[in-house]
């Protein structure tokens, strides 16, 4: 009996201190096969990549220049995981984004409710993280296309994290969450827990 090999992950490095801290964290750095500097993504050879992990808070203009390369990867049936604050609505196909005012300190309110709700509880993501690991604050929400699967909903509408396997032959993972920034800035412990589960999930993600 043969076992499927782990996914080959390429992670995009925007060159900031929080990208450096995230991509070099020993808890998951060994799971990353390649690191691609963001200005080089447009011309990068992605033929050996199964999963392209676009870390949070990238320069959107650089991602826009790499739009065709990203789309080619998706057309090959590969996975692209795009995190928040990188304006993926401009360079990921089929995305619809709505900006929302950010309440950074909602948890200081007595009996605070983040408004986030777990969706698709049987999805494999939830074997690696909990809703609490995906809860800090939101910068806005996506409206997933028909047929896509939301993984984290907001009670006011929209999705904070969804999987789209209908827009392209590949798999798009889109989230408004920005764990790399907060983990690399050494605050918001839930973001570290999120990444501790998220990266191993990307490594083993299958159909």
N, C-alpha and C. Protein backbone atom coordinates (compact mmCIF):
# COMPACT_ATOMS: atom_id res chain seq x y z
N UNK A 1 0.84 -1.20 0.00
CA UNK A 1 0.00 0.00 0.00
C UNK A 1 0.88 1.24 0.00
N UNK A 2 0.64 2.15 -0.91
CA UNK A 2 1.43 3.37 -0.98
C UNK A 2 0.72 4.51 -0.26
N UNK A 3 1.50 5.41 0.27
CA UNK A 3 0.96 6.57 0.97
C UNK A 3 1.23 7.81 0.13
N UNK A 4 0.23 8.65 -0.01
CA UNK A 4 0.40 9.88 -0.79
C UNK A 4 1.50 10.72 -0.16
N UNK A 5 2.34 11.30 -0.99
CA UNK A 5 3.40 12.15 -0.46
C UNK A 5 2.81 13.44 0.07
N UNK A 6 3.48 14.07 1.03
CA UNK A 6 3.01 15.37 1.53
C UNK A 6 3.04 16.43 0.43
N UNK A 7 2.17 17.40 0.54
CA UNK A 7 2.15 18.50 -0.42
C UNK A 7 3.44 19.31 -0.35
N UNK A 8 3.86 19.79 -1.51
CA UNK A 8 5.01 20.70 -1.57
C UNK A 8 4.48 22.12 -1.45
N UNK A 9 4.86 22.78 -0.37
CA UNK A 9 4.35 24.12 -0.07
C UNK A 9 5.39 25.17 -0.43
N UNK A 10 4.94 26.18 -1.20
CA UNK A 10 5.75 27.37 -1.43
C UNK A 10 5.07 28.53 -0.71
N UNK A 11 5.80 29.22 0.12
CA UNK A 11 5.26 30.33 0.89
C UNK A 11 5.82 31.64 0.35
N UNK A 12 4.96 32.64 0.25
CA UNK A 12 5.36 33.94 -0.27
C UNK A 12 5.83 34.83 0.88
N UNK A 13 7.03 35.36 0.74
CA UNK A 13 7.66 36.23 1.74
C UNK A 13 7.61 37.67 1.24
N UNK A 14 6.87 38.51 1.95
CA UNK A 14 6.78 39.91 1.58
C UNK A 14 7.94 40.76 2.05
N UNK A 15 8.86 40.16 2.80
CA UNK A 15 10.06 40.87 3.21
C UNK A 15 9.96 41.65 4.50
N UNK A 16 8.83 41.51 5.21
CA UNK A 16 8.68 42.24 6.46
C UNK A 16 9.16 41.40 7.64
N UNK A 17 9.27 42.05 8.79
CA UNK A 17 9.70 41.32 9.99
C UNK A 17 8.72 40.22 10.36
N UNK A 18 7.41 40.46 10.16
CA UNK A 18 6.43 39.45 10.57
C UNK A 18 6.37 38.29 9.59
N UNK A 19 6.67 38.54 8.31
CA UNK A 19 6.80 37.41 7.38
C UNK A 19 8.02 36.58 7.75
N UNK A 20 9.13 37.24 8.06
CA UNK A 20 10.34 36.52 8.44
C UNK A 20 10.10 35.67 9.68
N UNK A 21 9.46 36.26 10.69
CA UNK A 21 9.20 35.52 11.93
C UNK A 21 8.28 34.33 11.68
N UNK A 22 7.28 34.53 10.84
CA UNK A 22 6.35 33.45 10.57
C UNK A 22 7.01 32.32 9.79
N UNK A 23 7.72 32.65 8.74
CA UNK A 23 8.27 31.62 7.87
C UNK A 23 9.46 30.88 8.47
N UNK A 24 10.04 31.45 9.51
CA UNK A 24 11.19 30.81 10.15
C UNK A 24 10.86 30.23 11.51
N UNK A 25 9.61 30.20 11.86
CA UNK A 25 9.22 29.61 13.14
C UNK A 25 9.44 28.10 13.10
N UNK A 26 10.23 27.55 14.03
CA UNK A 26 10.57 26.11 13.95
C UNK A 26 9.38 25.18 14.14
N UNK A 27 8.26 25.71 14.60
CA UNK A 27 7.09 24.85 14.77
C UNK A 27 6.52 24.37 13.45
N UNK A 28 6.80 25.13 12.36
CA UNK A 28 6.26 24.71 11.06
C UNK A 28 7.18 25.04 9.88
N UNK A 29 8.32 25.67 10.12
CA UNK A 29 9.21 26.03 9.01
C UNK A 29 9.67 24.79 8.23
N UNK A 30 9.82 23.67 8.92
CA UNK A 30 10.27 22.45 8.25
C UNK A 30 9.23 21.89 7.28
N UNK A 31 8.00 22.40 7.35
CA UNK A 31 6.94 21.94 6.45
C UNK A 31 6.89 22.74 5.15
N UNK A 32 7.65 23.83 5.10
CA UNK A 32 7.66 24.72 3.94
C UNK A 32 8.82 24.32 3.03
N UNK A 33 8.51 23.97 1.79
CA UNK A 33 9.53 23.48 0.87
C UNK A 33 10.27 24.60 0.15
N UNK A 34 9.59 25.70 -0.13
CA UNK A 34 10.20 26.83 -0.81
C UNK A 34 9.67 28.13 -0.22
N UNK A 35 10.51 29.14 -0.23
CA UNK A 35 10.07 30.50 0.10
C UNK A 35 10.34 31.36 -1.13
N UNK A 36 9.31 32.04 -1.58
CA UNK A 36 9.42 32.89 -2.76
C UNK A 36 9.27 34.35 -2.35
N UNK A 37 10.25 35.15 -2.67
CA UNK A 37 10.19 36.58 -2.37
C UNK A 37 9.10 37.21 -3.24
N UNK A 38 8.24 38.00 -2.62
CA UNK A 38 7.05 38.51 -3.30
C UNK A 38 7.35 39.19 -4.65
N UNK A 39 8.39 40.03 -4.75
CA UNK A 39 8.66 40.66 -6.06
C UNK A 39 9.04 39.67 -7.15
N UNK A 40 9.39 38.43 -6.79
CA UNK A 40 9.81 37.43 -7.76
C UNK A 40 8.69 36.45 -8.11
N UNK A 41 7.53 36.59 -7.48
CA UNK A 41 6.45 35.62 -7.68
C UNK A 41 5.93 35.60 -9.11
N UNK A 42 5.86 36.76 -9.74
CA UNK A 42 5.30 36.83 -11.09
C UNK A 42 6.07 35.97 -12.08
N UNK A 43 7.38 35.84 -11.89
CA UNK A 43 8.22 35.10 -12.82
C UNK A 43 8.66 33.76 -12.26
N UNK A 44 8.21 33.39 -11.09
CA UNK A 44 8.67 32.16 -10.45
C UNK A 44 8.15 30.93 -11.17
N UNK A 45 8.99 29.90 -11.24
CA UNK A 45 8.58 28.61 -11.76
C UNK A 45 7.86 27.86 -10.65
N UNK A 46 6.57 27.63 -10.83
CA UNK A 46 5.75 26.99 -9.80
C UNK A 46 5.43 25.55 -10.15
N UNK A 47 6.17 24.97 -11.08
CA UNK A 47 5.85 23.62 -11.56
C UNK A 47 5.99 22.56 -10.48
N UNK A 48 6.81 22.83 -9.44
CA UNK A 48 6.99 21.84 -8.38
C UNK A 48 6.13 22.13 -7.16
N UNK A 49 5.17 23.05 -7.28
CA UNK A 49 4.38 23.51 -6.14
C UNK A 49 3.00 22.86 -6.14
N UNK A 50 2.60 22.33 -5.00
CA UNK A 50 1.23 21.83 -4.81
C UNK A 50 0.35 22.88 -4.14
N UNK A 51 0.95 23.62 -3.20
CA UNK A 51 0.21 24.63 -2.43
C UNK A 51 1.03 25.91 -2.41
N UNK A 52 0.42 26.98 -2.86
CA UNK A 52 1.03 28.31 -2.76
C UNK A 52 0.37 29.03 -1.60
N UNK A 53 1.16 29.32 -0.57
CA UNK A 53 0.65 29.98 0.63
C UNK A 53 1.06 31.45 0.57
N UNK A 54 0.08 32.29 0.31
CA UNK A 54 0.32 33.73 0.23
C UNK A 54 0.02 34.34 1.59
N UNK A 55 1.09 34.64 2.30
CA UNK A 55 0.96 35.11 3.67
C UNK A 55 0.21 36.44 3.75
N UNK A 56 -0.31 36.73 4.93
CA UNK A 56 -1.12 37.93 5.15
C UNK A 56 -0.31 39.21 4.91
N UNK A 57 -1.05 40.24 4.51
CA UNK A 57 -0.51 41.59 4.37
C UNK A 57 0.62 41.68 3.36
N UNK A 58 0.38 41.13 2.18
CA UNK A 58 1.31 41.28 1.07
C UNK A 58 1.05 42.62 0.37
N UNK A 59 2.03 43.07 -0.37
CA UNK A 59 1.88 44.24 -1.23
C UNK A 59 0.96 43.83 -2.38
N UNK A 60 -0.24 44.38 -2.41
CA UNK A 60 -1.23 43.96 -3.40
C UNK A 60 -0.75 44.22 -4.83
N UNK A 61 0.05 45.25 -5.04
CA UNK A 61 0.53 45.54 -6.40
C UNK A 61 1.43 44.43 -6.91
N UNK A 62 2.20 43.81 -6.01
CA UNK A 62 3.06 42.70 -6.41
C UNK A 62 2.23 41.45 -6.70
N UNK A 63 1.18 41.24 -5.92
CA UNK A 63 0.31 40.10 -6.16
C UNK A 63 -0.44 40.28 -7.49
N UNK A 64 -0.80 41.53 -7.80
CA UNK A 64 -1.48 41.80 -9.06
C UNK A 64 -0.56 41.48 -10.25
N UNK A 65 0.71 41.81 -10.13
CA UNK A 65 1.66 41.49 -11.18
C UNK A 65 1.81 39.97 -11.35
N UNK A 66 1.60 39.23 -10.27
CA UNK A 66 1.74 37.77 -10.30
C UNK A 66 0.42 37.06 -10.60
N UNK A 67 -0.61 37.83 -10.92
CA UNK A 67 -1.96 37.30 -11.10
C UNK A 67 -1.99 36.15 -12.11
N UNK A 68 -1.34 36.31 -13.24
CA UNK A 68 -1.37 35.28 -14.27
C UNK A 68 -0.68 34.00 -13.79
N UNK A 69 0.41 34.14 -13.07
CA UNK A 69 1.13 32.98 -12.57
C UNK A 69 0.29 32.23 -11.53
N UNK A 70 -0.39 32.99 -10.69
CA UNK A 70 -1.27 32.38 -9.69
C UNK A 70 -2.40 31.64 -10.39
N UNK A 71 -2.98 32.26 -11.40
CA UNK A 71 -4.09 31.63 -12.12
C UNK A 71 -3.64 30.36 -12.83
N UNK A 72 -2.44 30.36 -13.39
CA UNK A 72 -1.94 29.16 -14.06
C UNK A 72 -1.84 27.99 -13.08
N UNK A 73 -1.42 28.28 -11.87
CA UNK A 73 -1.31 27.24 -10.84
C UNK A 73 -2.69 26.65 -10.54
N UNK A 74 -3.69 27.52 -10.42
CA UNK A 74 -5.05 27.06 -10.16
C UNK A 74 -5.59 26.25 -11.35
N UNK A 75 -5.26 26.65 -12.55
CA UNK A 75 -5.72 25.93 -13.73
C UNK A 75 -5.12 24.53 -13.80
N UNK A 76 -4.00 24.33 -13.14
CA UNK A 76 -3.37 23.02 -13.07
C UNK A 76 -3.95 22.16 -11.95
N UNK A 77 -4.96 22.68 -11.26
CA UNK A 77 -5.60 21.92 -10.19
C UNK A 77 -4.91 22.03 -8.85
N UNK A 78 -4.00 22.99 -8.70
CA UNK A 78 -3.26 23.15 -7.45
C UNK A 78 -4.04 24.06 -6.48
N UNK A 79 -3.46 24.25 -5.29
CA UNK A 79 -4.11 25.02 -4.22
C UNK A 79 -3.39 26.35 -4.00
N UNK A 80 -4.18 27.41 -3.84
CA UNK A 80 -3.65 28.71 -3.44
C UNK A 80 -4.39 29.14 -2.18
N UNK A 81 -3.64 29.41 -1.13
CA UNK A 81 -4.19 29.89 0.13
C UNK A 81 -3.80 31.35 0.30
N UNK A 82 -4.79 32.24 0.27
CA UNK A 82 -4.53 33.68 0.34
C UNK A 82 -5.10 34.25 1.63
N UNK A 83 -4.24 34.90 2.40
CA UNK A 83 -4.65 35.43 3.70
C UNK A 83 -4.95 36.92 3.62
N UNK A 84 -5.50 37.44 4.72
CA UNK A 84 -6.09 38.76 4.74
C UNK A 84 -5.15 39.93 4.56
N UNK A 85 -5.79 41.06 4.25
CA UNK A 85 -5.12 42.35 4.12
C UNK A 85 -4.13 42.39 2.96
N UNK A 86 -4.41 41.59 1.93
CA UNK A 86 -3.58 41.61 0.72
C UNK A 86 -4.41 41.94 -0.51
N UNK A 87 -5.68 42.30 -0.29
CA UNK A 87 -6.59 42.69 -1.38
C UNK A 87 -6.68 41.63 -2.46
N UNK A 88 -6.98 40.41 -2.02
CA UNK A 88 -7.08 39.29 -2.96
C UNK A 88 -8.20 39.47 -3.96
N UNK A 89 -9.15 40.35 -3.66
CA UNK A 89 -10.25 40.58 -4.61
C UNK A 89 -9.75 41.15 -5.93
N UNK A 90 -8.51 41.65 -5.95
CA UNK A 90 -7.95 42.21 -7.18
C UNK A 90 -7.14 41.20 -7.99
N UNK A 91 -6.75 40.09 -7.37
CA UNK A 91 -5.88 39.16 -8.08
C UNK A 91 -6.24 37.69 -7.93
N UNK A 92 -7.28 37.38 -7.17
CA UNK A 92 -7.79 36.01 -7.10
C UNK A 92 -9.13 35.97 -7.83
N UNK A 93 -9.34 35.02 -8.72
CA UNK A 93 -10.56 35.01 -9.53
C UNK A 93 -11.82 34.74 -8.71
N UNK A 94 -12.90 35.41 -9.09
CA UNK A 94 -14.20 35.13 -8.52
C UNK A 94 -14.42 35.58 -7.10
N UNK A 95 -13.61 36.52 -6.62
CA UNK A 95 -13.73 36.95 -5.22
C UNK A 95 -14.56 38.23 -5.11
N UNK A 96 -15.40 38.27 -4.08
CA UNK A 96 -16.22 39.44 -3.81
C UNK A 96 -16.01 39.85 -2.35
N UNK A 97 -15.48 41.03 -2.15
CA UNK A 97 -15.01 41.49 -0.84
C UNK A 97 -15.82 42.69 -0.37
N UNK A 98 -16.13 42.73 0.92
CA UNK A 98 -16.79 43.88 1.53
C UNK A 98 -15.98 44.34 2.74
N UNK A 99 -15.59 45.60 2.74
CA UNK A 99 -14.84 46.16 3.86
C UNK A 99 -15.75 46.37 5.05
N UNK A 100 -15.22 46.16 6.24
CA UNK A 100 -15.98 46.36 7.47
C UNK A 100 -15.11 47.13 8.45
N UNK A 101 -15.73 48.01 9.20
CA UNK A 101 -15.00 48.73 10.23
C UNK A 101 -14.45 47.74 11.25
N UNK A 102 -13.20 47.91 11.61
CA UNK A 102 -12.53 46.95 12.49
C UNK A 102 -12.67 47.39 13.95
N UNK A 103 -13.16 46.47 14.77
CA UNK A 103 -13.19 46.65 16.22
C UNK A 103 -12.07 45.80 16.80
N UNK A 104 -10.92 46.44 17.05
CA UNK A 104 -9.76 45.69 17.51
C UNK A 104 -9.90 45.18 18.94
N UNK A 105 -10.79 45.79 19.70
CA UNK A 105 -10.85 45.50 21.14
C UNK A 105 -12.21 44.99 21.58
N UNK A 106 -12.89 44.25 20.68
CA UNK A 106 -14.24 43.80 20.97
C UNK A 106 -14.31 42.93 22.23
N UNK A 107 -13.22 42.19 22.51
CA UNK A 107 -13.26 41.26 23.65
C UNK A 107 -13.22 41.96 25.01
N UNK A 108 -12.95 43.27 25.01
CA UNK A 108 -12.96 44.01 26.27
C UNK A 108 -14.38 44.33 26.73
N UNK A 109 -15.36 44.14 25.86
CA UNK A 109 -16.75 44.36 26.21
C UNK A 109 -17.28 43.16 26.98
N UNK A 110 -17.94 43.40 28.14
CA UNK A 110 -18.49 42.28 28.90
C UNK A 110 -19.39 41.40 28.02
N UNK A 111 -19.22 40.08 28.17
CA UNK A 111 -19.99 39.09 27.40
C UNK A 111 -19.82 39.31 25.89
N UNK A 112 -18.64 39.68 25.48
CA UNK A 112 -18.37 39.98 24.07
C UNK A 112 -18.59 38.77 23.18
N UNK A 113 -19.07 39.03 21.98
CA UNK A 113 -19.29 38.00 20.97
C UNK A 113 -18.58 38.44 19.70
N UNK A 114 -17.64 37.66 19.24
CA UNK A 114 -16.90 38.01 18.03
C UNK A 114 -17.79 38.04 16.79
N UNK A 115 -18.92 37.36 16.86
CA UNK A 115 -19.79 37.25 15.71
C UNK A 115 -19.42 36.12 14.76
N UNK A 116 -18.32 35.42 15.05
CA UNK A 116 -17.89 34.33 14.19
C UNK A 116 -18.57 33.02 14.57
N UNK A 117 -18.87 32.22 13.56
CA UNK A 117 -19.51 30.94 13.77
C UNK A 117 -18.84 29.89 12.89
N UNK A 118 -18.63 28.74 13.47
CA UNK A 118 -18.07 27.63 12.70
C UNK A 118 -19.08 27.18 11.65
N UNK A 119 -18.61 26.97 10.44
CA UNK A 119 -19.43 26.43 9.36
C UNK A 119 -18.76 25.15 8.86
N UNK A 120 -19.50 24.31 8.18
CA UNK A 120 -18.99 23.04 7.65
C UNK A 120 -18.17 22.30 8.71
N UNK A 121 -18.80 21.94 9.83
CA UNK A 121 -18.06 21.35 10.97
C UNK A 121 -17.35 20.04 10.65
N UNK A 122 -17.75 19.36 9.58
CA UNK A 122 -17.09 18.10 9.21
C UNK A 122 -15.88 18.32 8.30
N UNK A 123 -15.59 19.58 7.96
CA UNK A 123 -14.46 19.86 7.08
C UNK A 123 -13.15 19.51 7.78
N UNK A 124 -12.17 19.06 7.00
CA UNK A 124 -10.89 18.61 7.57
C UNK A 124 -10.14 19.70 8.32
N UNK A 125 -10.39 20.97 8.00
CA UNK A 125 -9.72 22.06 8.72
C UNK A 125 -9.94 21.96 10.21
N UNK A 126 -11.16 21.56 10.60
CA UNK A 126 -11.52 21.54 12.03
C UNK A 126 -10.89 20.39 12.79
N UNK A 127 -10.16 19.54 12.09
CA UNK A 127 -9.36 18.53 12.77
C UNK A 127 -8.02 19.10 13.21
N UNK A 128 -7.73 20.34 12.77
CA UNK A 128 -6.43 20.95 13.04
C UNK A 128 -6.52 22.23 13.87
N UNK A 129 -7.62 22.94 13.78
CA UNK A 129 -7.81 24.16 14.57
C UNK A 129 -9.22 24.16 15.15
N UNK A 130 -9.44 25.07 16.11
CA UNK A 130 -10.77 25.30 16.66
C UNK A 130 -11.23 26.69 16.21
N UNK A 131 -12.51 26.97 16.43
CA UNK A 131 -13.01 28.32 16.10
C UNK A 131 -12.27 29.37 16.92
N UNK A 132 -11.95 29.06 18.17
CA UNK A 132 -11.22 30.02 19.00
C UNK A 132 -9.86 30.35 18.41
N UNK A 133 -9.24 29.40 17.73
CA UNK A 133 -7.94 29.64 17.09
C UNK A 133 -8.06 30.59 15.90
N UNK A 134 -9.27 30.71 15.35
CA UNK A 134 -9.52 31.58 14.20
C UNK A 134 -10.24 32.85 14.59
N UNK A 135 -10.19 33.18 15.86
CA UNK A 135 -10.95 34.32 16.36
C UNK A 135 -10.02 35.38 16.93
N UNK A 136 -9.95 36.52 16.25
CA UNK A 136 -9.38 37.73 16.85
C UNK A 136 -10.21 38.91 16.37
N UNK A 137 -9.92 39.50 15.23
CA UNK A 137 -10.80 40.54 14.70
C UNK A 137 -10.90 40.38 13.20
N UNK A 138 -11.87 41.05 12.59
CA UNK A 138 -12.08 40.90 11.15
C UNK A 138 -12.01 42.27 10.48
N UNK A 139 -11.41 42.27 9.30
CA UNK A 139 -11.29 43.51 8.53
C UNK A 139 -12.38 43.65 7.49
N UNK A 140 -13.15 42.59 7.30
CA UNK A 140 -14.20 42.59 6.30
C UNK A 140 -14.65 41.17 6.06
N UNK A 141 -15.38 40.94 4.98
CA UNK A 141 -15.84 39.59 4.70
C UNK A 141 -15.94 39.35 3.20
N UNK A 142 -15.91 38.09 2.84
CA UNK A 142 -16.11 37.66 1.46
C UNK A 142 -17.53 37.17 1.28
N UNK A 143 -18.01 37.25 0.05
CA UNK A 143 -19.25 36.60 -0.34
C UNK A 143 -18.88 35.46 -1.27
N UNK A 144 -18.85 34.22 -0.77
CA UNK A 144 -18.39 33.10 -1.60
C UNK A 144 -19.31 32.86 -2.79
N UNK A 145 -18.77 32.42 -3.90
CA UNK A 145 -19.62 32.09 -5.04
C UNK A 145 -20.46 30.85 -4.75
N UNK A 146 -21.51 30.68 -5.51
CA UNK A 146 -22.37 29.51 -5.36
C UNK A 146 -21.55 28.24 -5.56
N UNK A 147 -21.65 27.32 -4.62
CA UNK A 147 -20.91 26.07 -4.69
C UNK A 147 -19.66 26.04 -3.84
N UNK A 148 -19.17 27.21 -3.43
CA UNK A 148 -18.03 27.26 -2.52
C UNK A 148 -18.50 26.93 -1.11
N UNK A 149 -17.56 26.58 -0.23
CA UNK A 149 -17.89 26.15 1.12
C UNK A 149 -17.29 27.13 2.12
N UNK A 150 -18.16 27.80 2.87
CA UNK A 150 -17.68 28.68 3.93
C UNK A 150 -17.28 27.84 5.14
N UNK A 151 -16.17 28.19 5.73
CA UNK A 151 -15.67 27.49 6.91
C UNK A 151 -15.88 28.30 8.18
N UNK A 152 -15.85 29.63 8.05
CA UNK A 152 -16.13 30.53 9.17
C UNK A 152 -17.08 31.61 8.68
N UNK A 153 -18.26 31.66 9.26
CA UNK A 153 -19.25 32.68 8.92
C UNK A 153 -19.26 33.79 9.95
N UNK A 154 -19.84 34.94 9.56
CA UNK A 154 -20.12 36.01 10.51
C UNK A 154 -21.62 36.17 10.61
N UNK A 155 -22.09 36.41 11.83
CA UNK A 155 -23.54 36.48 12.04
C UNK A 155 -24.18 37.62 11.25
N UNK A 156 -23.42 38.63 10.90
CA UNK A 156 -23.96 39.74 10.13
C UNK A 156 -23.93 39.48 8.62
N UNK A 157 -23.47 38.30 8.26
CA UNK A 157 -23.40 37.94 6.85
C UNK A 157 -21.98 37.86 6.34
N UNK A 158 -21.78 37.07 5.32
CA UNK A 158 -20.46 36.94 4.71
C UNK A 158 -19.63 35.86 5.36
N UNK A 159 -18.51 35.57 4.72
CA UNK A 159 -17.60 34.52 5.16
C UNK A 159 -16.25 35.13 5.51
N UNK A 160 -15.67 34.64 6.59
CA UNK A 160 -14.33 35.05 7.02
C UNK A 160 -13.27 34.11 6.45
N UNK A 161 -13.70 32.90 6.10
CA UNK A 161 -12.78 31.89 5.57
C UNK A 161 -13.62 30.94 4.72
N UNK A 162 -13.23 30.77 3.44
CA UNK A 162 -13.98 29.82 2.62
C UNK A 162 -13.07 29.08 1.66
N UNK A 163 -13.57 27.97 1.19
CA UNK A 163 -12.88 27.13 0.21
C UNK A 163 -13.67 27.15 -1.08
N UNK A 164 -13.00 27.48 -2.17
CA UNK A 164 -13.65 27.58 -3.47
C UNK A 164 -13.01 26.56 -4.42
N UNK A 165 -13.80 25.56 -4.80
CA UNK A 165 -13.34 24.55 -5.75
C UNK A 165 -14.21 24.55 -7.01
N UNK A 166 -14.91 25.67 -7.21
CA UNK A 166 -15.82 25.76 -8.36
C UNK A 166 -15.37 26.82 -9.38
N UNK A 167 -14.69 27.84 -8.95
CA UNK A 167 -14.32 28.93 -9.85
C UNK A 167 -13.21 28.53 -10.82
N UNK A 168 -12.28 27.69 -10.35
CA UNK A 168 -11.17 27.21 -11.18
C UNK A 168 -11.05 25.70 -10.98
N UNK A 169 -10.22 25.03 -11.77
CA UNK A 169 -9.98 23.60 -11.54
C UNK A 169 -9.25 23.33 -10.22
N UNK A 170 -8.63 24.35 -9.65
CA UNK A 170 -7.89 24.19 -8.41
C UNK A 170 -8.72 24.50 -7.19
N UNK A 171 -8.02 24.65 -6.08
CA UNK A 171 -8.64 24.95 -4.79
C UNK A 171 -8.15 26.31 -4.31
N UNK A 172 -9.09 27.22 -4.05
CA UNK A 172 -8.75 28.52 -3.48
C UNK A 172 -9.21 28.55 -2.03
N UNK A 173 -8.29 28.88 -1.15
CA UNK A 173 -8.59 29.08 0.27
C UNK A 173 -8.42 30.56 0.56
N UNK A 174 -9.51 31.23 0.88
CA UNK A 174 -9.48 32.67 1.08
C UNK A 174 -9.95 33.01 2.48
N UNK A 175 -9.16 33.80 3.18
CA UNK A 175 -9.54 34.24 4.51
C UNK A 175 -9.22 35.72 4.70
N UNK A 176 -10.05 36.38 5.46
CA UNK A 176 -9.79 37.78 5.81
C UNK A 176 -8.84 37.87 7.00
N UNK A 177 -8.54 36.74 7.62
CA UNK A 177 -7.70 36.73 8.81
C UNK A 177 -6.25 37.02 8.44
N UNK A 178 -5.53 37.65 9.36
CA UNK A 178 -4.14 38.04 9.12
C UNK A 178 -3.21 37.50 10.21
N UNK A 179 -3.12 36.18 10.34
CA UNK A 179 -2.35 35.61 11.45
C UNK A 179 -0.86 35.89 11.39
N UNK A 180 -0.30 36.00 10.18
CA UNK A 180 1.15 36.18 10.07
C UNK A 180 1.60 37.49 10.72
N UNK A 181 0.81 38.54 10.50
CA UNK A 181 1.16 39.83 11.11
C UNK A 181 1.17 39.75 12.63
N UNK A 182 0.13 39.19 13.20
CA UNK A 182 0.02 39.18 14.66
C UNK A 182 0.98 38.19 15.30
N UNK A 183 1.14 37.02 14.67
CA UNK A 183 2.12 36.07 15.19
C UNK A 183 3.52 36.67 15.14
N UNK A 184 3.87 37.26 13.99
CA UNK A 184 5.19 37.84 13.83
C UNK A 184 5.43 39.09 14.64
N UNK A 185 4.35 39.70 15.14
CA UNK A 185 4.46 40.87 16.01
C UNK A 185 4.40 40.46 17.48
N UNK A 186 4.30 39.17 17.72
CA UNK A 186 4.34 38.59 19.06
C UNK A 186 3.21 39.07 19.97
N UNK A 187 2.02 39.19 19.36
CA UNK A 187 0.83 39.35 20.19
C UNK A 187 -0.34 38.71 19.47
N UNK A 188 -1.40 38.44 20.19
CA UNK A 188 -2.58 37.74 19.72
C UNK A 188 -2.28 36.23 19.68
N UNK A 189 -2.26 35.56 20.84
CA UNK A 189 -1.89 34.13 20.90
C UNK A 189 -2.72 33.22 20.01
N UNK A 190 -3.97 33.59 19.74
CA UNK A 190 -4.79 32.72 18.89
C UNK A 190 -4.20 32.60 17.49
N UNK A 191 -3.47 33.62 17.04
CA UNK A 191 -2.90 33.55 15.70
C UNK A 191 -1.79 32.50 15.62
N UNK A 192 -1.05 32.35 16.71
CA UNK A 192 -0.02 31.32 16.76
C UNK A 192 -0.66 29.94 16.76
N UNK A 193 -1.73 29.78 17.52
CA UNK A 193 -2.44 28.51 17.51
C UNK A 193 -3.01 28.21 16.13
N UNK A 194 -3.52 29.24 15.47
CA UNK A 194 -4.05 29.06 14.12
C UNK A 194 -2.98 28.51 13.19
N UNK A 195 -1.82 29.15 13.16
CA UNK A 195 -0.75 28.73 12.26
C UNK A 195 -0.21 27.35 12.62
N UNK A 196 -0.19 27.03 13.91
CA UNK A 196 0.30 25.73 14.36
C UNK A 196 -0.55 24.60 13.79
N UNK A 197 -1.84 24.87 13.57
CA UNK A 197 -2.70 23.88 12.95
C UNK A 197 -2.81 24.03 11.45
N UNK A 198 -2.80 25.28 10.98
CA UNK A 198 -3.06 25.56 9.57
C UNK A 198 -1.97 25.03 8.66
N UNK A 199 -0.71 25.24 9.00
CA UNK A 199 0.38 24.82 8.10
C UNK A 199 0.44 23.30 7.97
N UNK A 200 0.36 22.53 9.06
CA UNK A 200 0.30 21.07 8.89
C UNK A 200 -0.91 20.62 8.07
N UNK A 201 -2.02 21.34 8.19
CA UNK A 201 -3.20 21.00 7.38
C UNK A 201 -2.90 21.20 5.90
N UNK A 202 -2.25 22.31 5.54
CA UNK A 202 -1.87 22.52 4.14
C UNK A 202 -0.96 21.40 3.65
N UNK A 203 -0.08 20.93 4.51
CA UNK A 203 0.88 19.90 4.12
C UNK A 203 0.20 18.60 3.76
N UNK A 204 -0.90 18.28 4.43
CA UNK A 204 -1.55 16.99 4.25
C UNK A 204 -2.86 17.10 3.48
N UNK A 205 -3.23 18.29 3.04
CA UNK A 205 -4.51 18.53 2.38
C UNK A 205 -4.63 17.68 1.11
N UNK A 206 -5.73 16.97 1.02
CA UNK A 206 -6.00 16.13 -0.15
C UNK A 206 -7.41 16.38 -0.64
N UNK A 207 -7.76 15.75 -1.72
CA UNK A 207 -9.12 15.84 -2.24
C UNK A 207 -10.09 15.13 -1.31
